Amino acid sequence: MNWLLPTTDMVELIHDAVLNPGELTGRARDKSLDGALARVENRLSYGLVGDVYDLAAAYAMAIAQGHCFNDGNKRTAFRVMQTVLDTNGAREPAVSEEVMGQKVIALAQGLIDDGALADWLRDHA
């Protein structure tokens, strides 16, 4: 399948858009956004992405757990997940943004993994 994938520049733009005034801008000094996104590309290369929900969840995990930004990592992960779903023609879950945000928080905390998030996205679309 040919997916429309977010670029590093796109993720940075999404990050900048989710920040509130006074929050820390920019990338974390010791973290690599390119490296985090490469994790998803690696999974694609090895056929570990079955559908768009797997893809969106993999991006959410890479960003939320990669902590590549000084602030706004979970919000960026959430918006990138939505963007991947939207740009690849998938239906978003029929739940509130707050409920979806709680799933991303659980993902960032390691309480669920990307497979569980993908299943949840699929079940609620």
PDB file of N, CA and C in Angstrom:
ATOM      1  N   MET A   1       0.850  -1.186   0.000  1.00  0.00           N
ATOM      2  CA  MET A   1       0.000   0.000   0.000  1.00  0.00           C
ATOM      3  C   MET A   1       0.886   1.236   0.000  1.00  0.00           C
ATOM      4  N   ASN A   2       0.491   2.220  -0.730  1.00  0.00           N
ATOM      5  CA  ASN A   2       1.212   3.501  -0.751  1.00  0.00           C
ATOM      6  C   ASN A   2       0.540   4.465   0.209  1.00  0.00           C
ATOM      7  N   TRP A   3       1.195   4.683   1.324  1.00  0.00           N
ATOM      8  CA  TRP A   3       0.660   5.570   2.355  1.00  0.00           C
ATOM      9  C   TRP A   3       1.183   6.979   2.155  1.00  0.00           C
ATOM     10  N   LEU A   4       0.396   7.950   2.556  1.00  0.00           N
ATOM     11  CA  LEU A   4       0.864   9.331   2.655  1.00  0.00           C
ATOM     12  C   LEU A   4       1.425   9.477   4.062  1.00  0.00           C
ATOM     13  N   LEU A   5       2.732   9.676   4.146  1.00  0.00           N
ATOM     14  CA  LEU A   5       3.418   9.699   5.432  1.00  0.00           C
ATOM     15  C   LEU A   5       3.811  11.126   5.815  1.00  0.00           C
ATOM     16  N   PRO A   6       3.725  11.453   7.083  1.00  0.00           N
ATOM     17  CA  PRO A   6       4.155  12.788   7.519  1.00  0.00           C
ATOM     18  C   PRO A   6       5.678  12.912   7.458  1.00  0.00           C
ATOM     19  N   THR A   7       6.127  14.063   7.017  1.00  0.00           N
ATOM     20  CA  THR A   7       7.556  14.348   6.988  1.00  0.00           C
ATOM     21  C   THR A   7       7.971  14.972   8.314  1.00  0.00           C
ATOM     22  N   THR A   8       9.274  15.049   8.516  1.00  0.00           N
ATOM     23  CA  THR A   8       9.790  15.709   9.716  1.00  0.00           C
ATOM     24  C   THR A   8       9.301  17.153   9.767  1.00  0.00           C
ATOM     25  N   ASP A   9       9.352  17.850   8.639  1.00  0.00           N
ATOM     26  CA  ASP A   9       8.891  19.244   8.597  1.00  0.00           C
ATOM     27  C   ASP A   9       7.411  19.356   8.955  1.00  0.00           C
ATOM     28  N   MET A  10       6.610  18.423   8.457  1.00  0.00           N
ATOM     29  CA  MET A  10       5.175  18.443   8.759  1.00  0.00           C
ATOM     30  C   MET A  10       4.936  18.234  10.256  1.00  0.00           C
ATOM     31  N   VAL A  11       5.653  17.295  10.840  1.00  0.00           N
ATOM     32  CA  VAL A  11       5.494  17.030  12.273  1.00  0.00           C
ATOM     33  C   VAL A  11       5.910  18.254  13.076  1.00  0.00           C
ATOM     34  N   GLU A  12       6.977  18.925  12.663  1.00  0.00           N
ATOM     35  CA  GLU A  12       7.392  20.144  13.366  1.00  0.00           C
ATOM     36  C   GLU A  12       6.340  21.239  13.254  1.00  0.00           C
ATOM     37  N   LEU A  13       5.722  21.382  12.094  1.00  0.00           N
ATOM     38  CA  LEU A  13       4.653  22.375  11.926  1.00  0.00           C
ATOM     39  C   LEU A  13       3.457  22.044  12.819  1.00  0.00           C
ATOM     40  N   ILE A  14       3.101  20.769  12.878  1.00  0.00           N
ATOM     41  CA  ILE A  14       2.006  20.344  13.752  1.00  0.00           C
ATOM     42  C   ILE A  14       2.367  20.650  15.195  1.00  0.00           C
ATOM     43  N   HIS A  15       3.603  20.342  15.576  1.00  0.00           N
ATOM     44  CA  HIS A  15       4.059  20.629  16.934  1.00  0.00           C
ATOM     45  C   HIS A  15       3.925  22.111  17.255  1.00  0.00           C
ATOM     46  N   ASP A  16       4.417  22.957  16.367  1.00  0.00           N
ATOM     47  CA  ASP A  16       4.357  24.402  16.602  1.00  0.00           C
ATOM     48  C   ASP A  16       2.917  24.887  16.750  1.00  0.00           C
ATOM     49  N   ALA A  17       1.991  24.256  16.022  1.00  0.00           N
ATOM     50  CA  ALA A  17       0.586  24.661  16.072  1.00  0.00           C
ATOM     51  C   ALA A  17      -0.105  24.256  17.370  1.00  0.00           C
ATOM     52  N   VAL A  18       0.366  23.191  18.023  1.00  0.00           N
ATOM     53  CA  VAL A  18      -0.315  22.731  19.240  1.00  0.00           C
ATOM     54  C   VAL A  18       0.174  23.433  20.503  1.00  0.00           C
ATOM     55  N   LEU A  19       1.297  24.131  20.404  1.00  0.00           N
ATOM     56  CA  LEU A  19       1.840  24.789  21.597  1.00  0.00           C
ATOM     57  C   LEU A  19       0.990  25.984  22.016  1.00  0.00           C
ATOM     58  N   ASN A  20       0.884  26.165  23.295  1.00  0.00           N
ATOM     59  CA  ASN A  20       0.214  27.326  23.866  1.00  0.00           C
ATOM     60  C   ASN A  20       1.253  28.400  24.163  1.00  0.00           C
ATOM     61  N   PRO A  21       0.829  29.657  24.241  1.00  0.00           N
ATOM     62  CA  PRO A  21       1.787  30.714  24.577  1.00  0.00           C
ATOM     63  C   PRO A  21       2.513  30.404  25.884  1.00  0.00           C
ATOM     64  N   GLY A  22       3.819  30.614  25.889  1.00  0.00           N
ATOM     65  CA  GLY A  22       4.617  30.390  27.080  1.00  0.00           C
ATOM     66  C   GLY A  22       5.210  29.001  27.191  1.00  0.00           C
ATOM     67  N   GLU A  23       4.779  28.069  26.354  1.00  0.00           N
ATOM     68  CA  GLU A  23       5.359  26.733  26.400  1.00  0.00           C
ATOM     69  C   GLU A  23       6.694  26.727  25.659  1.00  0.00           C
ATOM     70  N   LEU A  24       7.513  25.753  25.992  1.00  0.00           N
ATOM     71  CA  LEU A  24       8.845  25.658  25.404  1.00  0.00           C
ATOM     72  C   LEU A  24       8.765  25.206  23.953  1.00  0.00           C
ATOM     73  N   THR A  25       9.383  25.971  23.071  1.00  0.00           N
ATOM     74  CA  THR A  25       9.405  25.621  21.661  1.00  0.00           C
ATOM     75  C   THR A  25      10.631  24.775  21.349  1.00  0.00           C
ATOM     76  N   GLY A  26      10.653  24.208  20.179  1.00  0.00           N
ATOM     77  CA  GLY A  26      11.823  23.513  19.672  1.00  0.00           C
ATOM     78  C   GLY A  26      11.934  22.071  20.106  1.00  0.00           C
ATOM     79  N   ARG A  27      12.970  21.449  19.558  1.00  0.00           N
ATOM     80  CA  ARG A  27      13.235  20.034  19.835  1.00  0.00           C
ATOM     81  C   ARG A  27      14.073  19.877  21.102  1.00  0.00           C
ATOM     82  N   ALA A  28      13.890  18.736  21.739  1.00  0.00           N
ATOM     83  CA  ALA A  28      14.722  18.378  22.881  1.00  0.00           C
ATOM     84  C   ALA A  28      16.139  18.136  22.370  1.00  0.00           C
ATOM     85  N   ARG A  29      17.096  18.613  23.099  1.00  0.00           N
ATOM     86  CA  ARG A  29      18.480  18.585  22.639  1.00  0.00           C
ATOM     87  C   ARG A  29      19.016  17.176  22.390  1.00  0.00           C
ATOM     88  N   ASP A  30      18.658  16.229  23.227  1.00  0.00           N
ATOM     89  CA  ASP A  30      19.252  14.898  23.120  1.00  0.00           C
ATOM     90  C   ASP A  30      18.358  13.871  22.432  1.00  0.00           C
ATOM     91  N   LYS A  31      17.315  14.323  21.743  1.00  0.00           N
ATOM     92  CA  LYS A  31      16.377  13.407  21.091  1.00  0.00           C
ATOM     93  C   LYS A  31      16.336  13.690  19.595  1.00  0.00           C
ATOM     94  N   SER A  32      16.031  12.674  18.805  1.00  0.00           N
ATOM     95  CA  SER A  32      15.998  12.813  17.351  1.00  0.00           C
ATOM     96  C   SER A  32      14.601  12.539  16.812  1.00  0.00           C
ATOM     97  N   LEU A  33      13.989  13.553  16.236  1.00  0.00           N
ATOM     98  CA  LEU A  33      12.694  13.371  15.587  1.00  0.00           C
ATOM     99  C   LEU A  33      12.851  12.459  14.372  1.00  0.00           C
ATOM    100  N   ASP A  34      13.916  12.648  13.623  1.00  0.00           N
ATOM    101  CA  ASP A  34      14.161  11.773  12.468  1.00  0.00           C
ATOM    102  C   ASP A  34      14.251  10.315  12.915  1.00  0.00           C
ATOM    103  N   GLY A  35      14.919  10.079  14.034  1.00  0.00           N
ATOM    104  CA  GLY A  35      15.045   8.723  14.564  1.00  0.00           C
ATOM    105  C   GLY A  35      13.701   8.141  14.978  1.00  0.00           C
ATOM    106  N   ALA A  36      12.880   8.965  15.609  1.00  0.00           N
ATOM    107  CA  ALA A  36      11.551   8.494  16.034  1.00  0.00           C
ATOM    108  C   ALA A  36      10.697   8.132  14.822  1.00  0.00           C
ATOM    109  N   LEU A  37      10.714   8.979  13.809  1.00  0.00           N
ATOM    110  CA  LEU A  37       9.916   8.707  12.612  1.00  0.00           C
ATOM    111  C   LEU A  37      10.476   7.519  11.836  1.00  0.00           C
ATOM    112  N   ALA A  38      11.782   7.309  11.910  1.00  0.00           N
ATOM    113  CA  ALA A  38      12.403   6.169  11.234  1.00  0.00           C
ATOM    114  C   ALA A  38      11.915   4.843  11.811  1.00  0.00           C
ATOM    115  N   ARG A  39      11.516   4.833  13.072  1.00  0.00           N
ATOM    116  CA  ARG A  39      10.965   3.608  13.667  1.00  0.00           C
ATOM    117  C   ARG A  39       9.733   3.141  12.902  1.00  0.00           C
ATOM    118  N   VAL A  40       8.907   4.120  12.512  1.00  0.00           N
ATOM    119  CA  VAL A  40       7.693   3.780  11.756  1.00  0.00           C
ATOM    120  C   VAL A  40       8.074   3.298  10.360  1.00  0.00           C
ATOM    121  N   GLU A  41       8.997   3.986   9.720  1.00  0.00           N
ATOM    122  CA  GLU A  41       9.433   3.581   8.386  1.00  0.00           C
ATOM    123  C   GLU A  41      10.045   2.181   8.413  1.00  0.00           C
ATOM    124  N   ASN A  42      10.742   1.858   9.488  1.00  0.00           N
ATOM    125  CA  ASN A  42      11.305   0.524   9.649  1.00  0.00           C
ATOM    126  C   ASN A  42      10.193  -0.515   9.718  1.00  0.00           C
ATOM    127  N   ARG A  43       9.181  -0.218  10.476  1.00  0.00           N
ATOM    128  CA  ARG A  43       8.046  -1.145  10.588  1.00  0.00           C
ATOM    129  C   ARG A  43       7.380  -1.347   9.231  1.00  0.00           C
ATOM    130  N   LEU A  44       7.275  -0.256   8.460  1.00  0.00           N
ATOM    131  CA  LEU A  44       6.710  -0.366   7.116  1.00  0.00           C
ATOM    132  C   LEU A  44       7.583  -1.264   6.238  1.00  0.00           C
ATOM    133  N   SER A  45       8.875  -1.086   6.326  1.00  0.00           N
ATOM    134  CA  SER A  45       9.817  -1.868   5.512  1.00  0.00           C
ATOM    135  C   SER A  45       9.717  -3.357   5.788  1.00  0.00           C
ATOM    136  N   TYR A  46       9.426  -3.715   7.027  1.00  0.00           N
ATOM    137  CA  TYR A  46       9.345  -5.119   7.408  1.00  0.00           C
ATOM    138  C   TYR A  46       7.918  -5.673   7.373  1.00  0.00           C
ATOM    139  N   GLY A  47       6.983  -4.910   6.808  1.00  0.00           N
ATOM    140  CA  GLY A  47       5.612  -5.384   6.661  1.00  0.00           C
ATOM    141  C   GLY A  47       4.863  -5.507   7.964  1.00  0.00           C
ATOM    142  N   LEU A  48       5.220  -4.691   8.958  1.00  0.00           N
ATOM    143  CA  LEU A  48       4.588  -4.773  10.268  1.00  0.00           C
ATOM    144  C   LEU A  48       3.421  -3.802  10.436  1.00  0.00           C
ATOM    145  N   VAL A  49       2.996  -3.185   9.344  1.00  0.00           N
ATOM    146  CA  VAL A  49       1.874  -2.257   9.376  1.00  0.00           C
ATOM    147  C   VAL A  49       0.784  -2.834   8.480  1.00  0.00           C
ATOM    148  N   GLY A  50      -0.296  -3.267   9.110  1.00  0.00           N
ATOM    149  CA  GLY A  50      -1.361  -3.927   8.363  1.00  0.00           C
ATOM    150  C   GLY A  50      -2.373  -2.988   7.735  1.00  0.00           C
ATOM    151  N   ASP A  51      -2.633  -1.882   8.398  1.00  0.00           N
ATOM    152  CA  ASP A  51      -3.616  -0.936   7.878  1.00  0.00           C
ATOM    153  C   ASP A  51      -3.309   0.462   8.401  1.00  0.00           C
ATOM    154  N   VAL A  52      -4.155   1.395   8.034  1.00  0.00           N
ATOM    155  CA  VAL A  52      -3.913   2.797   8.393  1.00  0.00           C
ATOM    156  C   VAL A  52      -3.997   3.021   9.898  1.00  0.00           C
ATOM    157  N   TYR A  53      -4.752   2.202  10.598  1.00  0.00           N
ATOM    158  CA  TYR A  53      -4.853   2.351  12.047  1.00  0.00           C
ATOM    159  C   TYR A  53      -3.556   1.911  12.722  1.00  0.00           C
ATOM    160  N   ASP A  54      -2.945   0.852  12.200  1.00  0.00           N
ATOM    161  CA  ASP A  54      -1.610   0.467  12.678  1.00  0.00           C
ATOM    162  C   ASP A  54      -0.611   1.590  12.429  1.00  0.00           C
ATOM    163  N   LEU A  55      -0.691   2.186  11.242  1.00  0.00           N
ATOM    164  CA  LEU A  55       0.227   3.260  10.873  1.00  0.00           C
ATOM    165  C   LEU A  55       0.059   4.469  11.781  1.00  0.00           C
ATOM    166  N   ALA A  56      -1.172   4.909  11.987  1.00  0.00           N
ATOM    167  CA  ALA A  56      -1.439   6.077  12.829  1.00  0.00           C
ATOM    168  C   ALA A  56      -0.987   5.830  14.266  1.00  0.00           C
ATOM    169  N   ALA A  57      -1.251   4.635  14.776  1.00  0.00           N
ATOM    170  CA  ALA A  57      -0.842   4.302  16.149  1.00  0.00           C
ATOM    171  C   ALA A  57       0.677   4.229  16.263  1.00  0.00           C
ATOM    172  N   ALA A  58       1.344   3.740  15.235  1.00  0.00           N
ATOM    173  CA  ALA A  58       2.809   3.668  15.264  1.00  0.00           C
ATOM    174  C   ALA A  58       3.412   5.068  15.306  1.00  0.00           C
ATOM    175  N   TYR A  59       2.869   5.993  14.540  1.00  0.00           N
ATOM    176  CA  TYR A  59       3.350   7.373  14.595  1.00  0.00           C
ATOM    177  C   TYR A  59       3.074   7.996  15.958  1.00  0.00           C
ATOM    178  N   ALA A  60       1.888   7.747  16.493  1.00  0.00           N
ATOM    179  CA  ALA A  60       1.559   8.298  17.809  1.00  0.00           C
ATOM    180  C   ALA A  60       2.546   7.789  18.858  1.00  0.00           C
ATOM    181  N   MET A  61       2.863   6.495  18.820  1.00  0.00           N
ATOM    182  CA  MET A  61       3.792   5.948  19.793  1.00  0.00           C
ATOM    183  C   MET A  61       5.196   6.524  19.607  1.00  0.00           C
ATOM    184  N   ALA A  62       5.652   6.594  18.372  1.00  0.00           N
ATOM    185  CA  ALA A  62       7.004   7.099  18.104  1.00  0.00           C
ATOM    186  C   ALA A  62       7.175   8.517  18.626  1.00  0.00           C
ATOM    187  N   ILE A  63       6.159   9.342  18.458  1.00  0.00           N
ATOM    188  CA  ILE A  63       6.265  10.746  18.882  1.00  0.00           C
ATOM    189  C   ILE A  63       6.020  10.892  20.375  1.00  0.00           C
ATOM    190  N   ALA A  64       4.984  10.231  20.886  1.00  0.00           N
ATOM    191  CA  ALA A  64       4.658  10.367  22.311  1.00  0.00           C
ATOM    192  C   ALA A  64       5.755   9.806  23.206  1.00  0.00           C
ATOM    193  N   GLN A  65       6.339   8.686  22.815  1.00  0.00           N
ATOM    194  CA  GLN A  65       7.366   8.071  23.643  1.00  0.00           C
ATOM    195  C   GLN A  65       8.769   8.539  23.292  1.00  0.00           C
ATOM    196  N   GLY A  66       8.929   9.163  22.127  1.00  0.00           N
ATOM    197  CA  GLY A  66      10.237   9.650  21.712  1.00  0.00           C
ATOM    198  C   GLY A  66      10.658  10.933  22.402  1.00  0.00           C
ATOM    199  N   HIS A  67       9.684  11.685  22.911  1.00  0.00           N
ATOM    200  CA  HIS A  67       9.948  12.939  23.624  1.00  0.00           C
ATOM    201  C   HIS A  67      10.942  13.824  22.872  1.00  0.00           C
ATOM    202  N   CYS A  68      10.673  13.998  21.584  1.00  0.00           N
ATOM    203  CA  CYS A  68      11.595  14.749  20.714  1.00  0.00           C
ATOM    204  C   CYS A  68      11.497  16.260  20.884  1.00  0.00           C
ATOM    205  N   PHE A  69      10.423  16.726  21.486  1.00  0.00           N
ATOM    206  CA  PHE A  69      10.201  18.158  21.648  1.00  0.00           C
ATOM    207  C   PHE A  69      10.314  18.557  23.112  1.00  0.00           C
ATOM    208  N   ASN A  70      10.586  19.808  23.337  1.00  0.00           N
ATOM    209  CA  ASN A  70      10.681  20.316  24.703  1.00  0.00           C
ATOM    210  C   ASN A  70       9.337  20.312  25.410  1.00  0.00           C
ATOM    211  N   ASP A  71       8.273  20.463  24.659  1.00  0.00           N
ATOM    212  CA  ASP A  71       6.925  20.510  25.218  1.00  0.00           C
ATOM    213  C   ASP A  71       5.954  20.051  24.138  1.00  0.00           C
ATOM    214  N   GLY A  72       4.797  19.554  24.526  1.00  0.00           N
ATOM    215  CA  GLY A  72       3.741  19.241  23.575  1.00  0.00           C
ATOM    216  C   GLY A  72       3.885  17.924  22.834  1.00  0.00           C
ATOM    217  N   ASN A  73       4.635  16.984  23.367  1.00  0.00           N
ATOM    218  CA  ASN A  73       4.845  15.711  22.671  1.00  0.00           C
ATOM    219  C   ASN A  73       3.554  14.908  22.502  1.00  0.00           C
ATOM    220  N   LYS A  74       2.753  14.813  23.545  1.00  0.00           N
ATOM    221  CA  LYS A  74       1.526  14.021  23.452  1.00  0.00           C
ATOM    222  C   LYS A  74       0.515  14.691  22.530  1.00  0.00           C
ATOM    223  N   ARG A  75       0.414  16.014  22.614  1.00  0.00           N
ATOM    224  CA  ARG A  75      -0.506  16.717  21.715  1.00  0.00           C
ATOM    225  C   ARG A  75      -0.058  16.591  20.264  1.00  0.00           C
ATOM    226  N   THR A  76       1.247  16.636  20.053  1.00  0.00           N
ATOM    227  CA  THR A  76       1.763  16.457  18.699  1.00  0.00           C
ATOM    228  C   THR A  76       1.468  15.044  18.218  1.00  0.00           C
ATOM    229  N   ALA A  77       1.672  14.051  19.065  1.00  0.00           N
ATOM    230  CA  ALA A  77       1.383  12.664  18.709  1.00  0.00           C
ATOM    231  C   ALA A  77      -0.083  12.503  18.332  1.00  0.00           C
ATOM    232  N   PHE A  78      -0.956  13.107  19.104  1.00  0.00           N
ATOM    233  CA  PHE A  78      -2.397  13.052  18.856  1.00  0.00           C
ATOM    234  C   PHE A  78      -2.735  13.648  17.497  1.00  0.00           C
ATOM    235  N   ARG A  79      -2.212  14.829  17.207  1.00  0.00           N
ATOM    236  CA  ARG A  79      -2.521  15.517  15.941  1.00  0.00           C
ATOM    237  C   ARG A  79      -1.894  14.802  14.744  1.00  0.00           C
ATOM    238  N   VAL A  80      -0.712  14.256  14.907  1.00  0.00           N
ATOM    239  CA  VAL A  80      -0.100  13.498  13.811  1.00  0.00           C
ATOM    240  C   VAL A  80      -0.925  12.237  13.548  1.00  0.00           C
ATOM    241  N   MET A  81      -1.385  11.582  14.602  1.00  0.00           N
ATOM    242  CA  MET A  81      -2.237  10.408  14.450  1.00  0.00           C
ATOM    243  C   MET A  81      -3.483  10.768  13.649  1.00  0.00           C
ATOM    244  N   GLN A  82      -4.129  11.870  14.001  1.00  0.00           N
ATOM    245  CA  GLN A  82      -5.305  12.329  13.261  1.00  0.00           C
ATOM    246  C   GLN A  82      -4.957  12.638  11.810  1.00  0.00           C
ATOM    247  N   THR A  83      -3.826  13.281  11.593  1.00  0.00           N
ATOM    248  CA  THR A  83      -3.405  13.642  10.240  1.00  0.00           C
ATOM    249  C   THR A  83      -3.174  12.405   9.387  1.00  0.00           C
ATOM    250  N   VAL A  84      -2.537  11.391   9.952  1.00  0.00           N
ATOM    251  CA  VAL A  84      -2.297  10.147   9.210  1.00  0.00           C
ATOM    252  C   VAL A  84      -3.633   9.505   8.828  1.00  0.00           C
ATOM    253  N   LEU A  85      -4.563   9.476   9.755  1.00  0.00           N
ATOM    254  CA  LEU A  85      -5.880   8.916   9.445  1.00  0.00           C
ATOM    255  C   LEU A  85      -6.563   9.719   8.343  1.00  0.00           C
ATOM    256  N   ASP A  86      -6.580  11.036   8.488  1.00  0.00           N
ATOM    257  CA  ASP A  86      -7.256  11.904   7.522  1.00  0.00           C
ATOM    258  C   ASP A  86      -6.637  11.830   6.130  1.00  0.00           C
ATOM    259  N   THR A  87      -5.309  11.957   6.062  1.00  0.00           N
ATOM    260  CA  THR A  87      -4.657  12.005   4.747  1.00  0.00           C
ATOM    261  C   THR A  87      -4.692  10.666   4.029  1.00  0.00           C
ATOM    262  N   ASN A  88      -4.939   9.599   4.762  1.00  0.00           N
ATOM    263  CA  ASN A  88      -5.022   8.283   4.138  1.00  0.00           C
ATOM    264  C   ASN A  88      -6.450   7.776   4.020  1.00  0.00           C
ATOM    265  N   GLY A  89      -7.414   8.676   4.186  1.00  0.00           N
ATOM    266  CA  GLY A  89      -8.814   8.370   3.919  1.00  0.00           C
ATOM    267  C   GLY A  89      -9.514   7.496   4.937  1.00  0.00           C
ATOM    268  N   ALA A  90      -8.991   7.420   6.143  1.00  0.00           N
ATOM    269  CA  ALA A  90      -9.616   6.588   7.173  1.00  0.00           C
ATOM    270  C   ALA A  90     -10.601   7.404   8.001  1.00  0.00           C
ATOM    271  N   ARG A  91     -11.558   6.723   8.540  1.00  0.00           N
ATOM    272  CA  ARG A  91     -12.494   7.377   9.447  1.00  0.00           C
ATOM    273  C   ARG A  91     -11.862   7.486  10.817  1.00  0.00           C
ATOM    274  N   GLU A  92     -12.006   8.653  11.409  1.00  0.00           N
ATOM    275  CA  GLU A  92     -11.531   8.834  12.787  1.00  0.00           C
ATOM    276  C   GLU A  92     -12.528   8.196  13.741  1.00  0.00           C
ATOM    277  N   PRO A  93     -12.079   7.837  14.919  1.00  0.00           N
ATOM    278  CA  PRO A  93     -13.001   7.268  15.910  1.00  0.00           C
ATOM    279  C   PRO A  93     -14.140   8.236  16.222  1.00  0.00           C
ATOM    280  N   ALA A  94     -15.294   7.670  16.423  1.00  0.00           N
ATOM    281  CA  ALA A  94     -16.482   8.461  16.732  1.00  0.00           C
ATOM    282  C   ALA A  94     -16.561   8.698  18.238  1.00  0.00           C
ATOM    283  N   VAL A  95     -15.519   9.323  18.774  1.00  0.00           N
ATOM    284  CA  VAL A  95     -15.445   9.666  20.196  1.00  0.00           C
ATOM    285  C   VAL A  95     -14.907  11.089  20.295  1.00  0.00           C
ATOM    286  N   SER A  96     -14.983  11.653  21.472  1.00  0.00           N
ATOM    287  CA  SER A  96     -14.507  13.019  21.665  1.00  0.00           C
ATOM    288  C   SER A  96     -12.980  13.083  21.594  1.00  0.00           C
ATOM    289  N   GLU A  97     -12.479  14.277  21.327  1.00  0.00           N
ATOM    290  CA  GLU A  97     -11.032  14.482  21.342  1.00  0.00           C
ATOM    291  C   GLU A  97     -10.461  14.191  22.721  1.00  0.00           C
ATOM    292  N   GLU A  98     -11.232  14.466  23.756  1.00  0.00           N
ATOM    293  CA  GLU A  98     -10.763  14.195  25.115  1.00  0.00           C
ATOM    294  C   GLU A  98     -10.523  12.703  25.324  1.00  0.00           C
ATOM    295  N   VAL A  99     -11.448  11.879  24.844  1.00  0.00           N
ATOM    296  CA  VAL A  99     -11.296  10.432  24.980  1.00  0.00           C
ATOM    297  C   VAL A  99     -10.094   9.956  24.168  1.00  0.00           C
ATOM    298  N   MET A 100      -9.948  10.458  22.956  1.00  0.00           N
ATOM    299  CA  MET A 100      -8.792  10.085  22.134  1.00  0.00           C
ATOM    300  C   MET A 100      -7.498  10.557  22.790  1.00  0.00           C
ATOM    301  N   GLY A 101      -7.534  11.741  23.364  1.00  0.00           N
ATOM    302  CA  GLY A 101      -6.356  12.262  24.055  1.00  0.00           C
ATOM    303  C   GLY A 101      -5.956  11.402  25.234  1.00  0.00           C
ATOM    304  N   GLN A 102      -6.932  10.870  25.954  1.00  0.00           N
ATOM    305  CA  GLN A 102      -6.635   9.978  27.082  1.00  0.00           C
ATOM    306  C   GLN A 102      -5.937   8.704  26.606  1.00  0.00           C
ATOM    307  N   LYS A 103      -6.307   8.233  25.427  1.00  0.00           N
ATOM    308  CA  LYS A 103      -5.632   7.055  24.861  1.00  0.00           C
ATOM    309  C   LYS A 103      -4.170   7.373  24.545  1.00  0.00           C
ATOM    310  N   VAL A 104      -3.912   8.561  24.007  1.00  0.00           N
ATOM    311  CA  VAL A 104      -2.531   8.949  23.697  1.00  0.00           C
ATOM    312  C   VAL A 104      -1.729   9.106  24.983  1.00  0.00           C
ATOM    313  N   ILE A 105      -2.341   9.632  26.026  1.00  0.00           N
ATOM    314  CA  ILE A 105      -1.654   9.744  27.322  1.00  0.00           C
ATOM    315  C   ILE A 105      -1.299   8.358  27.845  1.00  0.00           C
ATOM    316  N   ALA A 106      -2.239   7.420  27.754  1.00  0.00           N
ATOM    317  CA  ALA A 106      -1.962   6.045  28.192  1.00  0.00           C
ATOM    318  C   ALA A 106      -0.831   5.436  27.366  1.00  0.00           C
ATOM    319  N   LEU A 107      -0.803   5.727  26.086  1.00  0.00           N
ATOM    320  CA  LEU A 107       0.267   5.253  25.214  1.00  0.00           C
ATOM    321  C   LEU A 107       1.615   5.826  25.646  1.00  0.00           C
ATOM    322  N   ALA A 108       1.641   7.118  25.900  1.00  0.00           N
ATOM    323  CA  ALA A 108       2.883   7.783  26.314  1.00  0.00           C
ATOM    324  C   ALA A 108       3.389   7.231  27.642  1.00  0.00           C
ATOM    325  N   GLN A 109       2.487   6.859  28.519  1.00  0.00           N
ATOM    326  CA  GLN A 109       2.864   6.329  29.832  1.00  0.00           C
ATOM    327  C   GLN A 109       3.192   4.845  29.795  1.00  0.00           C
ATOM    328  N   GLY A 110       3.029   4.222  28.639  1.00  0.00           N
ATOM    329  CA  GLY A 110       3.313   2.793  28.520  1.00  0.00           C
ATOM    330  C   GLY A 110       2.216   1.902  29.071  1.00  0.00           C
ATOM    331  N   LEU A 111       1.038   2.451  29.320  1.00  0.00           N
ATOM    332  CA  LEU A 111      -0.075   1.660  29.838  1.00  0.00           C
ATOM    333  C   LEU A 111      -0.735   0.836  28.743  1.00  0.00           C
ATOM    334  N   ILE A 112      -0.633   1.301  27.489  1.00  0.00           N
ATOM    335  CA  ILE A 112      -1.063   0.538  26.318  1.00  0.00           C
ATOM    336  C   ILE A 112       0.064   0.636  25.295  1.00  0.00           C
ATOM    337  N   ASP A 113       0.052  -0.268  24.327  1.00  0.00           N
ATOM    338  CA  ASP A 113       1.044  -0.181  23.256  1.00  0.00           C
ATOM    339  C   ASP A 113       0.347   0.240  21.968  1.00  0.00           C
ATOM    340  N   ASP A 114       1.124   0.385  20.913  1.00  0.00           N
ATOM    341  CA  ASP A 114       0.544   0.861  19.662  1.00  0.00           C
ATOM    342  C   ASP A 114      -0.440  -0.145  19.067  1.00  0.00           C
ATOM    343  N   GLY A 115      -0.242  -1.438  19.320  1.00  0.00           N
ATOM    344  CA  GLY A 115      -1.198  -2.435  18.843  1.00  0.00           C
ATOM    345  C   GLY A 115      -2.559  -2.269  19.489  1.00  0.00           C
ATOM    346  N   ALA A 116      -2.556  -2.016  20.790  1.00  0.00           N
ATOM    347  CA  ALA A 116      -3.821  -1.796  21.504  1.00  0.00           C
ATOM    348  C   ALA A 116      -4.487  -0.509  21.034  1.00  0.00           C
ATOM    349  N   LEU A 117      -3.681   0.529  20.797  1.00  0.00           N
ATOM    350  CA  LEU A 117      -4.248   1.785  20.294  1.00  0.00           C
ATOM    351  C   LEU A 117      -4.833   1.579  18.899  1.00  0.00           C
ATOM    352  N   ALA A 118      -4.130   0.858  18.028  1.00  0.00           N
ATOM    353  CA  ALA A 118      -4.646   0.592  16.682  1.00  0.00           C
ATOM    354  C   ALA A 118      -5.966  -0.171  16.742  1.00  0.00           C
ATOM    355  N   ASP A 119      -6.034  -1.178  17.600  1.00  0.00           N
ATOM    356  CA  ASP A 119      -7.279  -1.935  17.760  1.00  0.00           C
ATOM    357  C   ASP A 119      -8.404  -1.026  18.226  1.00  0.00           C
ATOM    358  N   TRP A 120      -8.095  -0.149  19.181  1.00  0.00           N
ATOM    359  CA  TRP A 120      -9.107   0.767  19.700  1.00  0.00           C
ATOM    360  C   TRP A 120      -9.562   1.733  18.603  1.00  0.00           C
ATOM    361  N   LEU A 121      -8.626   2.282  17.839  1.00  0.00           N
ATOM    362  CA  LEU A 121      -8.976   3.185  16.731  1.00  0.00           C
ATOM    363  C   LEU A 121      -9.878   2.482  15.730  1.00  0.00           C
ATOM    364  N   ARG A 122      -9.529   1.266  15.375  1.00  0.00           N
ATOM    365  CA  ARG A 122     -10.283   0.473  14.404  1.00  0.00           C
ATOM    366  C   ARG A 122     -11.698   0.193  14.936  1.00  0.00           C
ATOM    367  N   ASP A 123     -11.783  -0.181  16.198  1.00  0.00           N
ATOM    368  CA  ASP A 123     -13.080  -0.545  16.793  1.00  0.00           C
ATOM    369  C   ASP A 123     -14.013   0.650  16.920  1.00  0.00           C
ATOM    370  N   HIS A 124     -13.467   1.858  17.025  1.00  0.00           N
ATOM    371  CA  HIS A 124     -14.305   3.032  17.232  1.00  0.00           C
ATOM    372  C   HIS A 124     -14.477   3.900  15.980  1.00  0.00           C
ATOM    373  N   ALA A 125     -13.921   3.451  14.870  1.00  0.00           N
ATOM    374  CA  ALA A 125     -14.058   4.219  13.612  1.00  0.00           C
ATOM    375  C   ALA A 125     -15.419   3.985  12.983  1.00  0.00           C
TER     376      ALA A 125
END
